[in-house]
Amino acid sequence: MDKNPISKQYRILKITDNHKKSKTHTKKKIKKPKIARRQYKYSYRVRGKQYKVLANVKNFTQLGTASWYGKDFHRKKTANGERFNMYALTAAHKILPLGSKVLVTNLANGKEVVLRINDRGPFHGNRVIDVSKKAAQKLGFIARGKTKVKIKVIQ
């Protein structure tokens, strides 16, 4: 019979050094997690059409039509989970990874702006990118609603 009153109340477990052999304790550098939400990381489906997010965007450039979005989407969630801010320099693209930085050039007037991709779209017509209201102002096409642009990934 044990004379220690504590051992009657608590079960004492043997402490071992097995944790030192565990492969979870390594000195490898931990990679930063991607910004993209899991459901939009590799591919996604909108209106029955499948889109595959590009894995390698080095030297990616694209010509096409840009449009802008603002008040109707302000403060609503974007594809990466943050709230859309129409006064921020952000954009929506169908296949570029979320978090990518792009240089967008308005081909009509030569104005340029650097934007961060934080949303998916546009899913209207033949447009290649939707930019925030602030970006449209800087690019000089807010009154027209859309314009021809060149997109180049810079990061």
N, C-alpha and C. Protein backbone atom coordinates (compact mmCIF):
# COMPACT_ATOMS: atom_id res chain seq x y z
N MET A 1 0.84 -1.19 0.00
CA MET A 1 0.00 0.00 0.00
C MET A 1 0.87 1.25 0.00
N ASP A 2 0.51 2.18 -0.87
CA ASP A 2 1.30 3.40 -1.02
C ASP A 2 0.96 4.36 0.11
N LYS A 3 2.00 4.89 0.74
CA LYS A 3 1.78 5.80 1.87
C LYS A 3 1.68 7.26 1.43
N ASN A 4 1.95 7.53 0.17
CA ASN A 4 1.90 8.90 -0.33
C ASN A 4 0.45 9.23 -0.71
N PRO A 5 -0.18 10.23 -0.06
CA PRO A 5 -1.58 10.54 -0.34
C PRO A 5 -1.81 11.12 -1.74
N ILE A 6 -0.78 11.73 -2.33
CA ILE A 6 -0.94 12.31 -3.66
C ILE A 6 -1.08 11.22 -4.71
N SER A 7 -0.32 10.14 -4.58
CA SER A 7 -0.37 9.07 -5.58
C SER A 7 -1.71 8.36 -5.59
N LYS A 8 -2.49 8.47 -4.52
CA LYS A 8 -3.83 7.89 -4.50
C LYS A 8 -4.79 8.73 -5.36
N GLN A 9 -4.55 10.03 -5.40
CA GLN A 9 -5.43 10.92 -6.16
C GLN A 9 -5.05 11.03 -7.63
N TYR A 10 -3.76 10.98 -7.93
CA TYR A 10 -3.28 11.19 -9.30
C TYR A 10 -2.47 9.99 -9.76
N ARG A 11 -2.65 9.65 -10.98
CA ARG A 11 -1.88 8.56 -11.56
C ARG A 11 -0.56 9.14 -12.09
N ILE A 12 0.56 8.67 -11.62
CA ILE A 12 1.85 9.16 -12.04
C ILE A 12 2.30 8.36 -13.25
N LEU A 13 2.61 9.06 -14.35
CA LEU A 13 3.07 8.41 -15.57
C LEU A 13 4.58 8.50 -15.66
N LYS A 14 5.18 7.51 -16.28
CA LYS A 14 6.62 7.50 -16.46
C LYS A 14 6.98 8.51 -17.55
N ILE A 15 7.91 9.37 -17.28
CA ILE A 15 8.35 10.37 -18.24
C ILE A 15 9.53 9.79 -19.02
N THR A 16 9.43 9.86 -20.35
CA THR A 16 10.48 9.28 -21.19
C THR A 16 11.09 10.35 -22.09
N ASP A 17 12.15 9.97 -22.78
CA ASP A 17 12.81 10.87 -23.73
C ASP A 17 12.46 10.52 -25.17
N ASN A 18 11.33 9.88 -25.39
CA ASN A 18 10.93 9.48 -26.73
C ASN A 18 10.72 10.67 -27.66
N HIS A 19 10.38 11.82 -27.10
CA HIS A 19 10.13 13.00 -27.93
C HIS A 19 11.39 13.45 -28.67
N LYS A 20 12.57 13.11 -28.17
CA LYS A 20 13.82 13.52 -28.82
C LYS A 20 14.02 12.79 -30.14
N LYS A 21 13.42 11.62 -30.28
CA LYS A 21 13.55 10.83 -31.50
C LYS A 21 12.51 11.22 -32.55
N SER A 22 11.56 12.04 -32.17
CA SER A 22 10.47 12.41 -33.06
C SER A 22 10.99 13.21 -34.25
N LYS A 23 10.42 12.95 -35.43
CA LYS A 23 10.82 13.65 -36.63
C LYS A 23 10.20 15.04 -36.73
N THR A 24 9.31 15.37 -35.82
CA THR A 24 8.70 16.70 -35.85
C THR A 24 9.66 17.75 -35.31
N HIS A 25 10.67 17.33 -34.60
CA HIS A 25 11.66 18.27 -34.06
C HIS A 25 12.87 18.27 -34.97
N THR A 26 12.82 19.09 -36.01
CA THR A 26 13.94 19.19 -36.94
C THR A 26 14.42 20.62 -36.98
N LYS A 27 15.57 20.82 -37.55
CA LYS A 27 16.13 22.16 -37.64
C LYS A 27 15.91 22.77 -39.02
N LYS A 28 15.01 22.18 -39.79
CA LYS A 28 14.71 22.71 -41.12
C LYS A 28 13.95 24.02 -41.00
N LYS A 29 14.21 24.91 -41.96
CA LYS A 29 13.52 26.19 -41.98
C LYS A 29 12.05 25.98 -42.38
N ILE A 30 11.16 26.59 -41.64
CA ILE A 30 9.73 26.46 -41.92
C ILE A 30 9.35 27.49 -42.98
N LYS A 31 8.67 27.03 -44.02
CA LYS A 31 8.24 27.91 -45.10
C LYS A 31 7.04 28.73 -44.66
N LYS A 32 6.96 29.97 -45.17
CA LYS A 32 5.81 30.82 -44.89
C LYS A 32 4.58 30.25 -45.59
N PRO A 33 3.44 30.29 -44.95
CA PRO A 33 2.23 29.81 -45.62
C PRO A 33 1.82 30.77 -46.73
N LYS A 34 1.18 30.24 -47.75
CA LYS A 34 0.67 31.06 -48.84
C LYS A 34 -0.52 31.87 -48.34
N ILE A 35 -0.76 32.99 -48.97
CA ILE A 35 -1.88 33.85 -48.59
C ILE A 35 -3.21 33.26 -49.06
N ALA A 36 -3.19 32.59 -50.18
CA ALA A 36 -4.42 32.10 -50.80
C ALA A 36 -5.18 31.13 -49.91
N ARG A 37 -6.50 31.26 -49.93
CA ARG A 37 -7.32 30.28 -49.25
C ARG A 37 -7.22 28.97 -50.00
N ARG A 38 -7.31 27.87 -49.31
CA ARG A 38 -7.11 26.56 -49.90
C ARG A 38 -8.00 26.31 -51.12
N GLN A 39 -9.24 26.74 -51.05
CA GLN A 39 -10.16 26.43 -52.14
C GLN A 39 -9.80 27.15 -53.44
N TYR A 40 -9.01 28.20 -53.40
CA TYR A 40 -8.62 28.93 -54.61
C TYR A 40 -7.15 28.75 -54.96
N LYS A 41 -6.45 27.89 -54.25
CA LYS A 41 -5.01 27.78 -54.42
C LYS A 41 -4.63 27.15 -55.76
N TYR A 42 -5.29 26.09 -56.16
CA TYR A 42 -4.91 25.35 -57.36
C TYR A 42 -5.91 25.49 -58.50
N SER A 43 -7.17 25.32 -58.19
CA SER A 43 -8.20 25.45 -59.21
C SER A 43 -9.54 25.75 -58.53
N TYR A 44 -10.47 26.24 -59.33
CA TYR A 44 -11.80 26.55 -58.82
C TYR A 44 -12.77 26.55 -59.99
N ARG A 45 -14.05 26.53 -59.69
CA ARG A 45 -15.09 26.48 -60.72
C ARG A 45 -16.07 27.63 -60.49
N VAL A 46 -16.39 28.34 -61.58
CA VAL A 46 -17.38 29.42 -61.54
C VAL A 46 -18.30 29.26 -62.74
N ARG A 47 -19.59 29.21 -62.47
CA ARG A 47 -20.62 29.07 -63.51
C ARG A 47 -20.32 27.90 -64.45
N GLY A 48 -19.87 26.79 -63.88
CA GLY A 48 -19.61 25.58 -64.65
C GLY A 48 -18.28 25.55 -65.38
N LYS A 49 -17.50 26.61 -65.30
CA LYS A 49 -16.20 26.65 -65.98
C LYS A 49 -15.08 26.48 -64.95
N GLN A 50 -14.13 25.59 -65.27
CA GLN A 50 -13.01 25.30 -64.38
C GLN A 50 -11.84 26.23 -64.71
N TYR A 51 -11.23 26.82 -63.66
CA TYR A 51 -10.06 27.69 -63.82
C TYR A 51 -8.91 27.07 -63.04
N LYS A 52 -7.74 27.00 -63.66
CA LYS A 52 -6.56 26.46 -63.00
C LYS A 52 -5.60 27.60 -62.70
N VAL A 53 -5.25 27.77 -61.44
CA VAL A 53 -4.33 28.82 -61.02
C VAL A 53 -2.92 28.44 -61.47
N LEU A 54 -2.20 29.39 -62.05
CA LEU A 54 -0.85 29.13 -62.55
C LEU A 54 0.11 28.85 -61.41
N ALA A 55 0.95 27.84 -61.58
CA ALA A 55 1.96 27.50 -60.58
C ALA A 55 3.22 28.33 -60.79
N ASN A 56 3.57 28.59 -62.04
CA ASN A 56 4.77 29.35 -62.36
C ASN A 56 4.38 30.60 -63.13
N VAL A 57 4.59 31.76 -62.52
CA VAL A 57 4.19 33.02 -63.16
C VAL A 57 5.39 33.86 -63.57
N LYS A 58 6.57 33.27 -63.54
CA LYS A 58 7.78 33.98 -63.95
C LYS A 58 7.63 34.39 -65.42
N ASN A 59 7.90 35.64 -65.71
CA ASN A 59 7.81 36.21 -67.06
C ASN A 59 6.38 36.23 -67.62
N PHE A 60 5.36 36.17 -66.76
CA PHE A 60 3.98 36.21 -67.21
C PHE A 60 3.61 37.62 -67.65
N THR A 61 3.09 37.75 -68.86
CA THR A 61 2.51 39.01 -69.34
C THR A 61 1.21 38.68 -70.07
N GLN A 62 0.31 39.64 -70.07
CA GLN A 62 -0.99 39.42 -70.70
C GLN A 62 -1.54 40.75 -71.21
N LEU A 63 -2.12 40.72 -72.38
CA LEU A 63 -2.81 41.88 -72.94
C LEU A 63 -4.30 41.59 -72.93
N GLY A 64 -5.09 42.61 -72.63
CA GLY A 64 -6.53 42.40 -72.63
C GLY A 64 -7.27 43.61 -72.09
N THR A 65 -8.53 43.41 -71.79
CA THR A 65 -9.40 44.47 -71.31
C THR A 65 -9.51 44.44 -69.79
N ALA A 66 -9.36 45.61 -69.19
CA ALA A 66 -9.52 45.76 -67.74
C ALA A 66 -10.80 46.53 -67.46
N SER A 67 -11.44 46.20 -66.36
CA SER A 67 -12.58 46.95 -65.86
C SER A 67 -12.32 47.23 -64.39
N TRP A 68 -13.20 48.01 -63.77
CA TRP A 68 -13.00 48.27 -62.35
C TRP A 68 -14.27 47.97 -61.57
N TYR A 69 -14.08 47.68 -60.29
CA TYR A 69 -15.22 47.43 -59.41
C TYR A 69 -15.02 48.19 -58.12
N GLY A 70 -16.14 48.62 -57.53
CA GLY A 70 -16.03 49.50 -56.37
C GLY A 70 -17.14 49.34 -55.36
N LYS A 71 -18.06 50.31 -55.34
CA LYS A 71 -19.05 50.46 -54.28
C LYS A 71 -19.86 49.20 -53.98
N ASP A 72 -20.31 48.49 -55.00
CA ASP A 72 -21.15 47.31 -54.77
C ASP A 72 -20.41 46.18 -54.05
N PHE A 73 -19.08 46.17 -54.16
CA PHE A 73 -18.29 45.10 -53.56
C PHE A 73 -17.50 45.57 -52.33
N HIS A 74 -17.54 46.88 -52.05
CA HIS A 74 -16.77 47.44 -50.94
C HIS A 74 -17.13 46.74 -49.62
N ARG A 75 -16.11 46.32 -48.90
CA ARG A 75 -16.20 45.63 -47.60
C ARG A 75 -16.70 44.19 -47.69
N LYS A 76 -16.91 43.67 -48.89
CA LYS A 76 -17.29 42.25 -49.02
C LYS A 76 -16.02 41.41 -49.10
N LYS A 77 -16.13 40.14 -48.72
CA LYS A 77 -14.96 39.27 -48.69
C LYS A 77 -14.44 38.98 -50.10
N THR A 78 -13.12 38.98 -50.22
CA THR A 78 -12.46 38.63 -51.48
C THR A 78 -12.06 37.16 -51.42
N ALA A 79 -11.49 36.67 -52.50
CA ALA A 79 -11.10 35.26 -52.58
C ALA A 79 -10.05 34.87 -51.56
N ASN A 80 -9.21 35.81 -51.13
CA ASN A 80 -8.20 35.45 -50.14
C ASN A 80 -8.68 35.66 -48.70
N GLY A 81 -9.94 36.05 -48.53
CA GLY A 81 -10.52 36.16 -47.20
C GLY A 81 -10.54 37.56 -46.62
N GLU A 82 -9.79 38.49 -47.20
CA GLU A 82 -9.81 39.85 -46.67
C GLU A 82 -11.01 40.61 -47.23
N ARG A 83 -11.31 41.73 -46.63
CA ARG A 83 -12.43 42.58 -47.08
C ARG A 83 -11.95 43.46 -48.24
N PHE A 84 -12.78 43.55 -49.29
CA PHE A 84 -12.43 44.39 -50.43
C PHE A 84 -12.47 45.85 -50.02
N ASN A 85 -11.44 46.59 -50.41
CA ASN A 85 -11.36 48.01 -50.14
C ASN A 85 -11.18 48.71 -51.49
N MET A 86 -12.20 49.44 -51.91
CA MET A 86 -12.14 50.07 -53.23
C MET A 86 -11.12 51.20 -53.29
N TYR A 87 -10.57 51.60 -52.14
CA TYR A 87 -9.55 52.65 -52.09
C TYR A 87 -8.13 52.08 -52.00
N ALA A 88 -8.00 50.76 -52.05
CA ALA A 88 -6.69 50.11 -52.02
C ALA A 88 -6.27 49.76 -53.45
N LEU A 89 -4.99 49.52 -53.63
CA LEU A 89 -4.47 49.17 -54.96
C LEU A 89 -4.45 47.65 -55.10
N THR A 90 -5.62 47.10 -55.41
CA THR A 90 -5.78 45.65 -55.54
C THR A 90 -6.50 45.33 -56.84
N ALA A 91 -6.51 44.02 -57.16
CA ALA A 91 -7.16 43.59 -58.40
C ALA A 91 -7.63 42.16 -58.28
N ALA A 92 -8.51 41.78 -59.21
CA ALA A 92 -9.00 40.41 -59.33
C ALA A 92 -8.51 39.84 -60.66
N HIS A 93 -8.01 38.61 -60.62
CA HIS A 93 -7.54 37.94 -61.83
C HIS A 93 -7.97 36.48 -61.76
N LYS A 94 -8.25 35.89 -62.90
CA LYS A 94 -8.77 34.52 -62.92
C LYS A 94 -7.73 33.46 -62.60
N ILE A 95 -6.50 33.62 -63.08
CA ILE A 95 -5.53 32.52 -62.96
C ILE A 95 -4.22 32.86 -62.27
N LEU A 96 -3.98 34.11 -61.92
CA LEU A 96 -2.76 34.45 -61.20
C LEU A 96 -2.91 34.08 -59.72
N PRO A 97 -1.85 33.61 -59.08
CA PRO A 97 -1.94 33.26 -57.66
C PRO A 97 -2.30 34.48 -56.81
N LEU A 98 -3.12 34.26 -55.80
CA LEU A 98 -3.47 35.33 -54.88
C LEU A 98 -2.20 35.77 -54.17
N GLY A 99 -2.05 37.09 -54.01
CA GLY A 99 -0.84 37.64 -53.40
C GLY A 99 0.18 38.10 -54.42
N SER A 100 -0.02 37.76 -55.69
CA SER A 100 0.92 38.20 -56.74
C SER A 100 0.86 39.71 -56.88
N LYS A 101 2.00 40.31 -57.22
CA LYS A 101 2.04 41.74 -57.52
C LYS A 101 2.21 41.89 -59.02
N VAL A 102 1.40 42.76 -59.61
CA VAL A 102 1.43 42.96 -61.06
C VAL A 102 1.58 44.43 -61.39
N LEU A 103 2.26 44.69 -62.50
CA LEU A 103 2.35 46.03 -63.05
C LEU A 103 1.31 46.10 -64.17
N VAL A 104 0.34 46.99 -64.01
CA VAL A 104 -0.72 47.15 -65.01
C VAL A 104 -0.50 48.47 -65.73
N THR A 105 -0.43 48.41 -67.05
CA THR A 105 -0.21 49.59 -67.89
C THR A 105 -1.44 49.83 -68.76
N ASN A 106 -1.98 51.04 -68.69
CA ASN A 106 -3.09 51.44 -69.55
C ASN A 106 -2.50 51.74 -70.92
N LEU A 107 -2.85 50.97 -71.93
CA LEU A 107 -2.28 51.13 -73.26
C LEU A 107 -2.78 52.39 -73.97
N ALA A 108 -3.88 52.97 -73.52
CA ALA A 108 -4.43 54.18 -74.14
C ALA A 108 -3.65 55.44 -73.74
N ASN A 109 -3.12 55.47 -72.50
CA ASN A 109 -2.44 56.69 -72.04
C ASN A 109 -1.05 56.44 -71.44
N GLY A 110 -0.64 55.20 -71.30
CA GLY A 110 0.70 54.88 -70.78
C GLY A 110 0.82 54.90 -69.26
N LYS A 111 -0.25 55.20 -68.54
CA LYS A 111 -0.18 55.24 -67.08
C LYS A 111 -0.02 53.83 -66.52
N GLU A 112 0.76 53.71 -65.42
CA GLU A 112 1.06 52.42 -64.81
C GLU A 112 0.75 52.45 -63.32
N VAL A 113 0.44 51.26 -62.78
CA VAL A 113 0.23 51.12 -61.34
C VAL A 113 0.56 49.68 -60.95
N VAL A 114 1.13 49.53 -59.74
CA VAL A 114 1.42 48.19 -59.21
C VAL A 114 0.25 47.78 -58.32
N LEU A 115 -0.29 46.58 -58.58
CA LEU A 115 -1.45 46.09 -57.84
C LEU A 115 -1.16 44.72 -57.25
N ARG A 116 -1.87 44.41 -56.17
CA ARG A 116 -1.78 43.09 -55.54
C ARG A 116 -3.05 42.31 -55.88
N ILE A 117 -2.89 41.08 -56.34
CA ILE A 117 -4.04 40.23 -56.67
C ILE A 117 -4.59 39.65 -55.37
N ASN A 118 -5.84 39.98 -55.04
CA ASN A 118 -6.45 39.46 -53.82
C ASN A 118 -7.85 38.87 -54.05
N ASP A 119 -8.25 38.78 -55.32
CA ASP A 119 -9.60 38.29 -55.60
C ASP A 119 -9.61 37.55 -56.94
N ARG A 120 -10.71 36.87 -57.22
CA ARG A 120 -10.90 36.13 -58.46
C ARG A 120 -11.90 36.87 -59.34
N GLY A 121 -11.68 36.80 -60.63
CA GLY A 121 -12.55 37.45 -61.59
C GLY A 121 -11.69 38.12 -62.65
N PRO A 122 -12.24 38.88 -63.52
CA PRO A 122 -13.66 39.12 -63.75
C PRO A 122 -14.30 37.97 -64.52
N PHE A 123 -15.54 37.74 -64.26
CA PHE A 123 -16.28 36.66 -64.92
C PHE A 123 -17.37 37.25 -65.80
N HIS A 124 -17.04 38.36 -66.46
CA HIS A 124 -17.98 39.06 -67.32
C HIS A 124 -17.29 39.38 -68.64
N GLY A 125 -17.84 38.93 -69.72
CA GLY A 125 -17.29 39.23 -71.03
C GLY A 125 -15.88 38.68 -71.22
N ASN A 126 -15.08 39.41 -71.98
CA ASN A 126 -13.73 38.96 -72.29
C ASN A 126 -12.67 39.73 -71.49
N ARG A 127 -13.02 40.20 -70.33
CA ARG A 127 -12.09 40.99 -69.52
C ARG A 127 -11.07 40.09 -68.84
N VAL A 128 -9.85 40.61 -68.66
CA VAL A 128 -8.78 39.81 -68.07
C VAL A 128 -8.47 40.19 -66.63
N ILE A 129 -8.84 41.41 -66.23
CA ILE A 129 -8.54 41.86 -64.87
C ILE A 129 -9.59 42.88 -64.43
N ASP A 130 -9.96 42.82 -63.17
CA ASP A 130 -10.81 43.82 -62.52
C ASP A 130 -9.93 44.55 -61.52
N VAL A 131 -9.87 45.85 -61.59
CA VAL A 131 -9.05 46.63 -60.66
C VAL A 131 -9.96 47.41 -59.71
N SER A 132 -9.41 47.81 -58.58
CA SER A 132 -10.18 48.61 -57.62
C SER A 132 -10.44 50.00 -58.19
N LYS A 133 -11.36 50.72 -57.57
CA LYS A 133 -11.69 52.07 -58.02
C LYS A 133 -10.47 52.97 -57.98
N LYS A 134 -9.68 52.86 -56.91
CA LYS A 134 -8.46 53.68 -56.77
C LYS A 134 -7.49 53.40 -57.91
N ALA A 135 -7.33 52.12 -58.26
CA ALA A 135 -6.43 51.75 -59.35
C ALA A 135 -6.94 52.30 -60.68
N ALA A 136 -8.25 52.26 -60.89
CA ALA A 136 -8.84 52.79 -62.12
C ALA A 136 -8.60 54.30 -62.22
N GLN A 137 -8.68 55.00 -61.08
CA GLN A 137 -8.39 56.44 -61.07
C GLN A 137 -6.94 56.70 -61.47
N LYS A 138 -6.02 55.92 -60.88
CA LYS A 138 -4.60 56.11 -61.19
C LYS A 138 -4.28 55.76 -62.64
N LEU A 139 -4.99 54.78 -63.18
CA LEU A 139 -4.78 54.39 -64.57
C LEU A 139 -5.52 55.30 -65.56
N GLY A 140 -6.44 56.11 -65.05
CA GLY A 140 -7.13 57.10 -65.87
C GLY A 140 -8.26 56.58 -66.74
N PHE A 141 -8.99 55.56 -66.25
CA PHE A 141 -10.12 55.07 -67.06
C PHE A 141 -11.40 54.93 -66.26
N ILE A 142 -11.51 55.62 -65.15
CA ILE A 142 -12.69 55.47 -64.29
C ILE A 142 -13.97 55.90 -65.02
N ALA A 143 -13.92 56.93 -65.83
CA ALA A 143 -15.12 57.41 -66.53
C ALA A 143 -15.54 56.45 -67.64
N ARG A 144 -14.58 55.85 -68.33
CA ARG A 144 -14.88 54.94 -69.44
C ARG A 144 -15.34 53.58 -68.95
N GLY A 145 -14.90 53.15 -67.78
CA GLY A 145 -15.32 51.87 -67.23
C GLY A 145 -14.44 50.69 -67.59
N LYS A 146 -13.82 50.75 -68.78
CA LYS A 146 -12.90 49.70 -69.17
C LYS A 146 -11.88 50.26 -70.15
N THR A 147 -10.75 49.54 -70.26
CA THR A 147 -9.67 49.97 -71.15
C THR A 147 -8.77 48.79 -71.49
N LYS A 148 -7.97 48.94 -72.53
CA LYS A 148 -6.99 47.92 -72.90
C LYS A 148 -5.75 48.10 -72.02
N VAL A 149 -5.25 46.98 -71.48
CA VAL A 149 -4.11 47.03 -70.57
C VAL A 149 -3.09 45.94 -70.89
N LYS A 150 -1.91 46.14 -70.34
CA LYS A 150 -0.87 45.12 -70.34
C LYS A 150 -0.61 44.77 -68.87
N ILE A 151 -0.60 43.48 -68.56
CA ILE A 151 -0.36 43.00 -67.19
C ILE A 151 0.98 42.27 -67.19
N LYS A 152 1.83 42.62 -66.23
CA LYS A 152 3.12 41.95 -66.09
C LYS A 152 3.33 41.61 -64.61
N VAL A 153 3.60 40.34 -64.32
CA VAL A 153 3.86 39.93 -62.93
C VAL A 153 5.24 40.41 -62.54
N ILE A 154 5.34 41.08 -61.38
CA ILE A 154 6.64 41.56 -60.90
C ILE A 154 7.06 40.87 -59.62
N GLN A 155 6.15 40.16 -58.97
CA GLN A 155 6.49 39.45 -57.73
C GLN A 155 5.49 38.36 -57.45
